[in-house]
PDB file of N, CA and C in Angstrom:
ATOM      1  N   LYS A   1     -42.794  10.372  14.092  1.00  0.00           N
ATOM      2  CA  LYS A   1     -43.224   9.403  13.087  1.00  0.00           C
ATOM      3  C   LYS A   1     -43.193  10.043  11.699  1.00  0.00           C
ATOM      4  N   ARG A   2     -43.709  11.253  11.596  1.00  0.00           N
ATOM      5  CA  ARG A   2     -43.753  11.932  10.294  1.00  0.00           C
ATOM      6  C   ARG A   2     -42.350  12.228   9.770  1.00  0.00           C
ATOM      7  N   ARG A   3     -41.480  12.638  10.681  1.00  0.00           N
ATOM      8  CA  ARG A   3     -40.105  12.941  10.289  1.00  0.00           C
ATOM      9  C   ARG A   3     -39.400  11.680   9.787  1.00  0.00           C
ATOM     10  N   MET A   4     -39.659  10.575  10.459  1.00  0.00           N
ATOM     11  CA  MET A   4     -39.083   9.293  10.070  1.00  0.00           C
ATOM     12  C   MET A   4     -39.572   8.904   8.672  1.00  0.00           C
ATOM     13  N   GLU A   5     -40.861   9.090   8.436  1.00  0.00           N
ATOM     14  CA  GLU A   5     -41.451   8.771   7.134  1.00  0.00           C
ATOM     15  C   GLU A   5     -40.802   9.603   6.026  1.00  0.00           C
ATOM     16  N   LYS A   6     -40.567  10.879   6.298  1.00  0.00           N
ATOM     17  CA  LYS A   6     -39.933  11.755   5.303  1.00  0.00           C
ATOM     18  C   LYS A   6     -38.507  11.309   5.012  1.00  0.00           C
ATOM     19  N   SER A   7     -37.758  10.974   6.056  1.00  0.00           N
ATOM     20  CA  SER A   7     -36.373  10.534   5.871  1.00  0.00           C
ATOM     21  C   SER A   7     -36.313   9.261   5.035  1.00  0.00           C
ATOM     22  N   ILE A   8     -37.185   8.321   5.338  1.00  0.00           N
ATOM     23  CA  ILE A   8     -37.228   7.068   4.577  1.00  0.00           C
ATOM     24  C   ILE A   8     -37.572   7.347   3.120  1.00  0.00           C
ATOM     25  N   SER A   9     -38.522   8.221   2.900  1.00  0.00           N
ATOM     26  CA  SER A   9     -38.933   8.564   1.542  1.00  0.00           C
ATOM     27  C   SER A   9     -37.788   9.207   0.756  1.00  0.00           C
ATOM     28  N   ILE A  10     -37.059  10.098   1.401  1.00  0.00           N
ATOM     29  CA  ILE A  10     -35.932  10.763   0.739  1.00  0.00           C
ATOM     30  C   ILE A  10     -34.875   9.739   0.343  1.00  0.00           C
ATOM     31  N   VAL A  11     -34.523   8.859   1.278  1.00  0.00           N
ATOM     32  CA  VAL A  11     -33.515   7.834   0.982  1.00  0.00           C
ATOM     33  C   VAL A  11     -34.022   6.898  -0.114  1.00  0.00           C
ATOM     34  N   ASP A  12     -35.280   6.500  -0.047  1.00  0.00           N
ATOM     35  CA  ASP A  12     -35.855   5.633  -1.087  1.00  0.00           C
ATOM     36  C   ASP A  12     -35.730   6.278  -2.464  1.00  0.00           C
ATOM     37  N   ASN A  13     -36.067   7.551  -2.552  1.00  0.00           N
ATOM     38  CA  ASN A  13     -35.984   8.259  -3.834  1.00  0.00           C
ATOM     39  C   ASN A  13     -34.547   8.344  -4.332  1.00  0.00           C
ATOM     40  N   MET A  14     -33.620   8.607  -3.431  1.00  0.00           N
ATOM     41  CA  MET A  14     -32.212   8.682  -3.829  1.00  0.00           C
ATOM     42  C   MET A  14     -31.712   7.323  -4.313  1.00  0.00           C
ATOM     43  N   LYS A  15     -32.137   6.246  -3.628  1.00  0.00           N
ATOM     44  CA  LYS A  15     -31.745   4.901  -4.050  1.00  0.00           C
ATOM     45  C   LYS A  15     -32.298   4.585  -5.436  1.00  0.00           C
ATOM     46  N   LYS A  16     -33.550   4.983  -5.689  1.00  0.00           N
ATOM     47  CA  LYS A  16     -34.168   4.740  -7.001  1.00  0.00           C
ATOM     48  C   LYS A  16     -33.412   5.460  -8.113  1.00  0.00           C
ATOM     49  N   MET A  17     -32.815   6.603  -7.762  1.00  0.00           N
ATOM     50  CA  MET A  17     -32.053   7.384  -8.735  1.00  0.00           C
ATOM     51  C   MET A  17     -30.631   6.848  -8.902  1.00  0.00           C
ATOM     52  N   GLY A  18     -30.282   5.825  -8.118  1.00  0.00           N
ATOM     53  CA  GLY A  18     -28.963   5.222  -8.230  1.00  0.00           C
ATOM     54  C   GLY A  18     -27.870   5.978  -7.496  1.00  0.00           C
ATOM     55  N   VAL A  19     -28.259   6.795  -6.530  1.00  0.00           N
ATOM     56  CA  VAL A  19     -27.290   7.582  -5.773  1.00  0.00           C
ATOM     57  C   VAL A  19     -26.484   6.663  -4.855  1.00  0.00           C
ATOM     58  N   ASP A  20     -25.194   6.890  -4.791  1.00  0.00           N
ATOM     59  CA  ASP A  20     -24.276   6.111  -3.965  1.00  0.00           C
ATOM     60  C   ASP A  20     -24.548   6.330  -2.480  1.00  0.00           C
ATOM     61  N   TRP A  21     -24.361   5.271  -1.679  1.00  0.00           N
ATOM     62  CA  TRP A  21     -24.631   5.354  -0.239  1.00  0.00           C
ATOM     63  C   TRP A  21     -23.778   6.401   0.460  1.00  0.00           C
ATOM     64  N   ASN A  22     -22.561   6.617  -0.001  1.00  0.00           N
ATOM     65  CA  ASN A  22     -21.726   7.659   0.614  1.00  0.00           C
ATOM     66  C   ASN A  22     -22.383   9.022   0.467  1.00  0.00           C
ATOM     67  N   PHE A  23     -22.942   9.289  -0.705  1.00  0.00           N
ATOM     68  CA  PHE A  23     -23.624  10.566  -0.928  1.00  0.00           C
ATOM     69  C   PHE A  23     -24.899  10.640  -0.091  1.00  0.00           C
ATOM     70  N   ILE A  24     -25.664   9.550  -0.065  1.00  0.00           N
ATOM     71  CA  ILE A  24     -26.900   9.513   0.729  1.00  0.00           C
ATOM     72  C   ILE A  24     -26.589   9.789   2.197  1.00  0.00           C
ATOM     73  N   ALA A  25     -25.547   9.143   2.721  1.00  0.00           N
ATOM     74  CA  ALA A  25     -25.168   9.332   4.124  1.00  0.00           C
ATOM     75  C   ALA A  25     -24.766  10.778   4.394  1.00  0.00           C
ATOM     76  N   ASN A  26     -24.016  11.375   3.486  1.00  0.00           N
ATOM     77  CA  ASN A  26     -23.609  12.775   3.669  1.00  0.00           C
ATOM     78  C   ASN A  26     -24.795  13.725   3.581  1.00  0.00           C
ATOM     79  N   ALA A  27     -25.728  13.430   2.698  1.00  0.00           N
ATOM     80  CA  ALA A  27     -26.877  14.319   2.496  1.00  0.00           C
ATOM     81  C   ALA A  27     -27.931  14.188   3.590  1.00  0.00           C
ATOM     82  N   THR A  28     -28.119  12.976   4.094  1.00  0.00           N
ATOM     83  CA  THR A  28     -29.210  12.739   5.048  1.00  0.00           C
ATOM     84  C   THR A  28     -28.754  12.516   6.486  1.00  0.00           C
ATOM     85  N   GLY A  29     -27.483  12.177   6.661  1.00  0.00           N
ATOM     86  CA  GLY A  29     -26.995  11.844   7.993  1.00  0.00           C
ATOM     87  C   GLY A  29     -27.302  10.409   8.386  1.00  0.00           C
ATOM     88  N   LEU A  30     -27.853   9.634   7.451  1.00  0.00           N
ATOM     89  CA  LEU A  30     -28.190   8.228   7.715  1.00  0.00           C
ATOM     90  C   LEU A  30     -27.303   7.319   6.878  1.00  0.00           C
ATOM     91  N   ASN A  31     -26.639   6.372   7.538  1.00  0.00           N
ATOM     92  CA  ASN A  31     -25.928   5.373   6.757  1.00  0.00           C
ATOM     93  C   ASN A  31     -26.890   4.223   6.462  1.00  0.00           C
ATOM     94  N   LYS A  32     -26.418   3.237   5.724  1.00  0.00           N
ATOM     95  CA  LYS A  32     -27.299   2.144   5.299  1.00  0.00           C
ATOM     96  C   LYS A  32     -27.903   1.401   6.488  1.00  0.00           C
ATOM     97  N   GLN A  33     -27.096   1.119   7.508  1.00  0.00           N
ATOM     98  CA  GLN A  33     -27.594   0.394   8.682  1.00  0.00           C
ATOM     99  C   GLN A  33     -28.649   1.215   9.424  1.00  0.00           C
ATOM    100  N   GLN A  34     -28.403   2.505   9.608  1.00  0.00           N
ATOM    101  CA  GLN A  34     -29.370   3.369  10.295  1.00  0.00           C
ATOM    102  C   GLN A  34     -30.682   3.436   9.523  1.00  0.00           C
ATOM    103  N   TYR A  35     -30.571   3.512   8.199  1.00  0.00           N
ATOM    104  CA  TYR A  35     -31.757   3.553   7.340  1.00  0.00           C
ATOM    105  C   TYR A  35     -32.577   2.269   7.496  1.00  0.00           C
ATOM    106  N   GLU A  36     -31.900   1.125   7.474  1.00  0.00           N
ATOM    107  CA  GLU A  36     -32.602  -0.153   7.613  1.00  0.00           C
ATOM    108  C   GLU A  36     -33.262  -0.281   8.987  1.00  0.00           C
ATOM    109  N   GLU A  37     -32.566   0.172  10.032  1.00  0.00           N
ATOM    110  CA  GLU A  37     -33.139   0.145  11.382  1.00  0.00           C
ATOM    111  C   GLU A  37     -34.344   1.074  11.479  1.00  0.00           C
ATOM    112  N   MET A  38     -34.254   2.237  10.815  1.00  0.00           N
ATOM    113  CA  MET A  38     -35.358   3.194  10.821  1.00  0.00           C
ATOM    114  C   MET A  38     -36.578   2.605  10.119  1.00  0.00           C
ATOM    115  N   GLN A  39     -36.360   1.888   9.030  1.00  0.00           N
ATOM    116  CA  GLN A  39     -37.467   1.250   8.319  1.00  0.00           C
ATOM    117  C   GLN A  39     -38.187   0.251   9.225  1.00  0.00           C
ATOM    118  N   ILE A  40     -37.427  -0.545   9.958  1.00  0.00           N
ATOM    119  CA  ILE A  40     -38.018  -1.533  10.870  1.00  0.00           C
ATOM    120  C   ILE A  40     -38.807  -0.834  11.966  1.00  0.00           C
ATOM    121  N   GLU A  41     -38.207   0.196  12.562  1.00  0.00           N
ATOM    122  CA  GLU A  41     -38.891   0.936  13.625  1.00  0.00           C
ATOM    123  C   GLU A  41     -40.176   1.582  13.107  1.00  0.00           C
ATOM    124  N   TYR A  42     -40.113   2.142  11.900  1.00  0.00           N
ATOM    125  CA  TYR A  42     -41.291   2.780  11.311  1.00  0.00           C
ATOM    126  C   TYR A  42     -42.397   1.753  11.071  1.00  0.00           C
ATOM    127  N   GLN A  43     -42.035   0.583  10.576  1.00  0.00           N
ATOM    128  CA  GLN A  43     -43.032  -0.468  10.345  1.00  0.00           C
ATOM    129  C   GLN A  43     -43.704  -0.881  11.646  1.00  0.00           C
ATOM    130  N   HIS A  44     -42.932  -0.951  12.728  1.00  0.00           N
ATOM    131  CA  HIS A  44     -43.520  -1.267  14.033  1.00  0.00           C
ATOM    132  C   HIS A  44     -44.478  -0.172  14.477  1.00  0.00           C
ATOM    133  N   LEU A  45     -44.099   1.083  14.250  1.00  0.00           N
ATOM    134  CA  LEU A  45     -44.952   2.206  14.652  1.00  0.00           C
ATOM    135  C   LEU A  45     -46.283   2.203  13.912  1.00  0.00           C
ATOM    136  N   ILE A  46     -46.228   1.958  12.610  1.00  0.00           N
ATOM    137  CA  ILE A  46     -47.477   2.029  11.842  1.00  0.00           C
ATOM    138  C   ILE A  46     -48.323   0.770  11.978  1.00  0.00           C
ATOM    139  N   SER A  47     -47.729  -0.317  12.472  1.00  0.00           N
ATOM    140  CA  SER A  47     -48.504  -1.548  12.620  1.00  0.00           C
ATOM    141  C   SER A  47     -49.207  -1.645  13.970  1.00  0.00           C
ATOM    142  N   LYS A  48     -48.864  -0.758  14.906  1.00  0.00           N
ATOM    143  CA  LYS A  48     -49.529  -0.771  16.210  1.00  0.00           C
ATOM    144  C   LYS A  48     -50.964  -0.302  16.052  1.00  0.00           C
ATOM    145  N   PRO A  49     -51.909  -1.021  16.645  1.00  0.00           N
ATOM    146  CA  PRO A  49     -53.310  -0.586  16.545  1.00  0.00           C
ATOM    147  C   PRO A  49     -53.526   0.714  17.321  1.00  0.00           C
ATOM    148  N   THR A  50     -54.349   1.564  16.767  1.00  0.00           N
ATOM    149  CA  THR A  50     -54.668   2.816  17.446  1.00  0.00           C
ATOM    150  C   THR A  50     -55.943   2.642  18.249  1.00  0.00           C
ATOM    151  N   ILE A  51     -56.051   3.377  19.332  1.00  0.00           N
ATOM    152  CA  ILE A  51     -57.236   3.313  20.185  1.00  0.00           C
ATOM    153  C   ILE A  51     -58.267   4.291  19.633  1.00  0.00           C
ATOM    154  N   PRO A  52     -59.455   3.817  19.321  1.00  0.00           N
ATOM    155  CA  PRO A  52     -60.496   4.737  18.849  1.00  0.00           C
ATOM    156  C   PRO A  52     -60.804   5.785  19.919  1.00  0.00           C
ATOM    157  N   ASP A  53     -61.210   6.975  19.485  1.00  0.00           N
ATOM    158  CA  ASP A  53     -61.497   8.075  20.406  1.00  0.00           C
ATOM    159  C   ASP A  53     -62.507   7.687  21.477  1.00  0.00           C
ATOM    160  N   THR A  54     -63.538   6.957  21.103  1.00  0.00           N
ATOM    161  CA  THR A  54     -64.576   6.608  22.082  1.00  0.00           C
ATOM    162  C   THR A  54     -64.013   5.716  23.179  1.00  0.00           C
ATOM    163  N   ALA A  55     -63.172   4.776  22.831  1.00  0.00           N
ATOM    164  CA  ALA A  55     -62.572   3.902  23.837  1.00  0.00           C
ATOM    165  C   ALA A  55     -61.634   4.686  24.743  1.00  0.00           C
ATOM    166  N   ALA A  56     -60.912   5.621  24.172  1.00  0.00           N
ATOM    167  CA  ALA A  56     -59.991   6.429  24.969  1.00  0.00           C
ATOM    168  C   ALA A  56     -60.763   7.290  25.963  1.00  0.00           C
ATOM    169  N   ARG A  57     -61.880   7.860  25.530  1.00  0.00           N
ATOM    170  CA  ARG A  57     -62.677   8.710  26.420  1.00  0.00           C
ATOM    171  C   ARG A  57     -63.320   7.890  27.534  1.00  0.00           C
ATOM    172  N   MET A  58     -63.723   6.673  27.231  1.00  0.00           N
ATOM    173  CA  MET A  58     -64.387   5.830  28.223  1.00  0.00           C
ATOM    174  C   MET A  58     -63.428   5.407  29.330  1.00  0.00           C
ATOM    175  N   SER A  59     -62.143   5.341  29.019  1.00  0.00           N
ATOM    176  CA  SER A  59     -61.179   4.898  30.022  1.00  0.00           C
ATOM    177  C   SER A  59     -60.793   6.011  30.985  1.00  0.00           C
ATOM    178  N   LEU A  60     -61.213   7.228  30.711  1.00  0.00           N
ATOM    179  CA  LEU A  60     -60.859   8.354  31.593  1.00  0.00           C
ATOM    180  C   LEU A  60     -61.700   8.412  32.827  1.00  0.00           C
TER     181      LEU A  60
END
Protein backbone atom coordinates (compact mmCIF):
# COMPACT_ATOMS: atom_id res chain seq x y z
CA LYS A 1 0.00 0.00 0.00
CA ARG A 2 2.77 2.43 0.93
CA ARG A 3 4.72 1.68 -2.22
CA MET A 4 1.61 2.26 -4.31
CA GLU A 5 1.03 5.60 -2.56
CA LYS A 6 4.61 6.68 -3.32
CA SER A 7 4.32 5.72 -6.99
CA ILE A 8 1.07 7.64 -7.37
CA SER A 9 2.59 10.66 -5.66
CA ILE A 10 5.64 10.61 -7.94
CA VAL A 11 3.49 10.41 -11.08
CA ASP A 12 1.17 13.14 -9.76
CA ASN A 13 4.14 15.45 -9.18
CA MET A 14 5.57 14.75 -12.62
CA LYS A 15 2.17 15.45 -14.22
CA LYS A 16 1.92 18.76 -12.32
CA MET A 17 5.33 19.70 -13.74
CA GLY A 18 4.04 19.01 -17.25
CA VAL A 19 6.25 15.99 -17.84
CA ASP A 20 5.34 13.94 -20.92
CA TRP A 21 3.82 10.48 -20.38
CA ASN A 22 6.62 8.82 -22.34
CA PHE A 23 9.14 10.21 -19.86
CA ILE A 24 6.93 9.30 -16.87
CA ALA A 25 6.59 5.72 -18.17
CA ASN A 26 10.35 5.39 -18.67
CA ALA A 27 11.13 6.85 -15.25
CA THR A 28 8.52 4.99 -13.22
CA GLY A 29 7.72 1.88 -15.24
CA LEU A 30 4.03 2.90 -15.22
CA ASN A 31 2.15 3.88 -18.33
CA LYS A 32 -1.00 6.01 -18.16
CA GLN A 33 -3.37 3.02 -18.01
CA GLN A 34 -1.36 1.30 -15.25
CA TYR A 35 -1.28 4.55 -13.28
CA GLU A 36 -5.05 4.98 -13.56
CA GLU A 37 -5.64 1.35 -12.52
CA MET A 38 -3.27 1.82 -9.57
CA GLN A 39 -5.20 4.90 -8.45
CA ILE A 40 -8.46 2.92 -8.46
CA GLU A 41 -6.90 0.01 -6.57
CA TYR A 42 -5.37 2.39 -4.02
CA GLN A 43 -8.73 4.11 -3.45
CA HIS A 44 -10.32 0.72 -2.80
CA LEU A 45 -7.56 -0.16 -0.33
CA ILE A 46 -7.88 3.02 1.68
CA SER A 47 -11.68 2.97 1.67
CA LYS A 48 -11.91 -0.47 3.30
CA PRO A 49 -12.84 -0.19 6.97
CA THR A 50 -10.18 -1.35 9.38
CA ILE A 51 -10.93 -3.66 12.28
CA PRO A 52 -10.23 -2.03 15.64
CA ASP A 53 -7.65 -3.88 17.77
CA THR A 54 -10.20 -4.78 20.44
CA ALA A 55 -12.54 -6.42 17.94
CA ALA A 56 -9.66 -8.33 16.38
CA ARG A 57 -8.53 -9.64 19.78
CA MET A 58 -12.05 -10.68 20.75
CA SER A 59 -12.40 -12.83 17.64
CA LEU A 60 -9.35 -14.93 18.55
